[in-house]
C-alpha atoms as a PDB file:
ATOM      1  CA  UNK A   1      -0.143  -0.232  -0.143  1.00  0.00           C
ATOM      2  CA  UNK A   2       1.049   3.292  -0.752  1.00  0.00           C
ATOM      3  CA  UNK A   3       2.052   6.316   1.401  1.00  0.00           C
ATOM      4  CA  UNK A   4      -0.492   9.392   1.427  1.00  0.00           C
ATOM      5  CA  UNK A   5       1.042  12.739  -0.287  1.00  0.00           C
ATOM      6  CA  UNK A   6       1.380  15.077   2.525  1.00  0.00           C
ATOM      7  CA  UNK A   7       0.092  18.796   2.217  1.00  0.00           C
ATOM      8  CA  UNK A   8       2.231  20.725   0.671  1.00  0.00           C
ATOM      9  CA  UNK A   9       3.020  23.477   3.106  1.00  0.00           C
ATOM     10  CA  UNK A  10       1.030  26.822   1.287  1.00  0.00           C
ATOM     11  CA  UNK A  11       3.228  29.217  -0.236  1.00  0.00           C
ATOM     12  CA  UNK A  12       4.604  32.959   0.843  1.00  0.00           C
ATOM     13  CA  UNK A  13       3.027  36.466  -1.001  1.00  0.00           C
ATOM     14  CA  UNK A  14       5.098  37.005  -3.497  1.00  0.00           C
ATOM     15  CA  UNK A  15       6.852  40.900  -3.193  1.00  0.00           C
ATOM     16  CA  UNK A  16       5.939  43.317  -5.457  1.00  0.00           C
ATOM     17  CA  UNK A  17       8.392  45.259  -6.725  1.00  0.00           C
ATOM     18  CA  UNK A  18       7.405  49.272  -6.137  1.00  0.00           C
ATOM     19  CA  UNK A  19       7.899  51.374  -8.730  1.00  0.00           C
ATOM     20  CA  UNK A  20      10.004  53.887  -9.997  1.00  0.00           C
ATOM     21  CA  UNK A  21       8.557  57.917  -9.121  1.00  0.00           C
ATOM     22  CA  UNK A  22      12.280  59.591  -9.595  1.00  0.00           C
ATOM     23  CA  UNK A  23      13.875  59.220 -13.186  1.00  0.00           C
ATOM     24  CA  UNK A  24      16.359  61.494 -14.944  1.00  0.00           C
ATOM     25  CA  UNK A  25      15.884  63.849 -16.414  1.00  0.00           C
ATOM     26  CA  UNK A  26      15.916  65.153 -20.417  1.00  0.00           C
ATOM     27  CA  UNK A  27      17.162  68.201 -20.345  1.00  0.00           C
ATOM     28  CA  UNK A  28      19.650  68.519 -17.840  1.00  0.00           C
ATOM     29  CA  UNK A  29      20.764  64.420 -17.541  1.00  0.00           C
ATOM     30  CA  UNK A  30      20.851  64.780 -13.787  1.00  0.00           C
ATOM     31  CA  UNK A  31      19.726  61.209 -11.742  1.00  0.00           C
ATOM     32  CA  UNK A  32      16.723  60.857  -9.276  1.00  0.00           C
ATOM     33  CA  UNK A  33      16.003  64.403 -10.440  1.00  0.00           C
ATOM     34  CA  UNK A  34      12.463  64.683 -12.083  1.00  0.00           C
ATOM     35  CA  UNK A  35       9.712  64.049  -9.321  1.00  0.00           C
ATOM     36  CA  UNK A  36       5.978  62.766 -10.157  1.00  0.00           C
ATOM     37  CA  UNK A  37       3.100  63.240  -8.432  1.00  0.00           C
ATOM     38  CA  UNK A  38      -0.402  61.887 -10.092  1.00  0.00           C
ATOM     39  CA  UNK A  39      -3.477  64.340  -8.989  1.00  0.00           C
ATOM     40  CA  UNK A  40      -6.337  61.129  -8.990  1.00  0.00           C
ATOM     41  CA  UNK A  41      -9.113  63.254  -8.753  1.00  0.00           C
ATOM     42  CA  UNK A  42      -8.028  65.602 -11.187  1.00  0.00           C
ATOM     43  CA  UNK A  43      -7.227  63.227 -13.183  1.00  0.00           C
ATOM     44  CA  UNK A  44      -3.160  65.195 -13.518  1.00  0.00           C
ATOM     45  CA  UNK A  45      -0.499  64.174 -13.433  1.00  0.00           C
ATOM     46  CA  UNK A  46       2.404  66.608 -13.387  1.00  0.00           C
ATOM     47  CA  UNK A  47       6.361  66.098 -13.241  1.00  0.00           C
ATOM     48  CA  UNK A  48       9.092  68.137 -12.666  1.00  0.00           C
ATOM     49  CA  UNK A  49      12.504  68.133 -12.251  1.00  0.00           C
ATOM     50  CA  UNK A  50      14.191  69.378  -8.898  1.00  0.00           C
ATOM     51  CA  UNK A  51      17.722  70.975 -10.773  1.00  0.00           C
ATOM     52  CA  UNK A  52      16.711  72.478 -13.412  1.00  0.00           C
ATOM     53  CA  UNK A  53      12.760  73.452 -12.948  1.00  0.00           C
ATOM     54  CA  UNK A  54      11.554  71.326 -15.836  1.00  0.00           C
ATOM     55  CA  UNK A  55       7.764  70.752 -15.432  1.00  0.00           C
ATOM     56  CA  UNK A  56       4.765  69.431 -17.925  1.00  0.00           C
ATOM     57  CA  UNK A  57       1.731  68.840 -17.290  1.00  0.00           C
ATOM     58  CA  UNK A  58      -0.237  65.762 -18.638  1.00  0.00           C
ATOM     59  CA  UNK A  59      -3.841  64.312 -18.492  1.00  0.00           C
ATOM     60  CA  UNK A  60      -4.046  61.261 -16.343  1.00  0.00           C
ATOM     61  CA  UNK A  61      -6.638  58.286 -16.006  1.00  0.00           C
ATOM     62  CA  UNK A  62      -7.849  55.602 -12.990  1.00  0.00           C
ATOM     63  CA  UNK A  63      -4.781  53.234 -14.717  1.00  0.00           C
ATOM     64  CA  UNK A  64      -1.749  55.514 -15.137  1.00  0.00           C
ATOM     65  CA  UNK A  65       1.223  55.246 -12.963  1.00  0.00           C
ATOM     66  CA  UNK A  66       4.337  57.320 -12.869  1.00  0.00           C
ATOM     67  CA  UNK A  67       5.841  55.962 -15.983  1.00  0.00           C
ATOM     68  CA  UNK A  68       3.181  56.578 -17.860  1.00  0.00           C
ATOM     69  CA  UNK A  69       3.373  60.314 -17.093  1.00  0.00           C
ATOM     70  CA  UNK A  70       7.363  60.301 -17.859  1.00  0.00           C
ATOM     71  CA  UNK A  71       7.267  58.381 -21.373  1.00  0.00           C
ATOM     72  CA  UNK A  72       4.389  60.847 -22.219  1.00  0.00           C
ATOM     73  CA  UNK A  73       6.879  63.521 -21.793  1.00  0.00           C
ATOM     74  CA  UNK A  74       9.731  61.987 -23.496  1.00  0.00           C
ATOM     75  CA  UNK A  75       7.521  61.515 -26.225  1.00  0.00           C
ATOM     76  CA  UNK A  76       6.031  65.304 -26.064  1.00  0.00           C
ATOM     77  CA  UNK A  77       9.769  65.977 -26.375  1.00  0.00           C
ATOM     78  CA  UNK A  78      10.134  64.406 -29.442  1.00  0.00           C
END
C-alpha cells in the first residue's frame, strides 16, 4: 500500500517591486531629479525636475502610473 501524499506548505506572498517615481531629466541629465505626482481626482499628472526646474503636465486616467507620465513627457519632447 502506498503512503498518503503529505500536504504541501502554503507559499508565502510574493513581494512586488515598487515602481519608481523619480527619473532622469531629459534636459539636464541628472539621475533621480525628476519627480512625478499624480492627482487622481483632477485626472492630471505633473512632472518637475528639482535641478533645472523643467515642468510637464498631462491628462491621466485611473490606471496611470508615474512611468506613464514620464513616457508622455519623453514622447512630447520628440
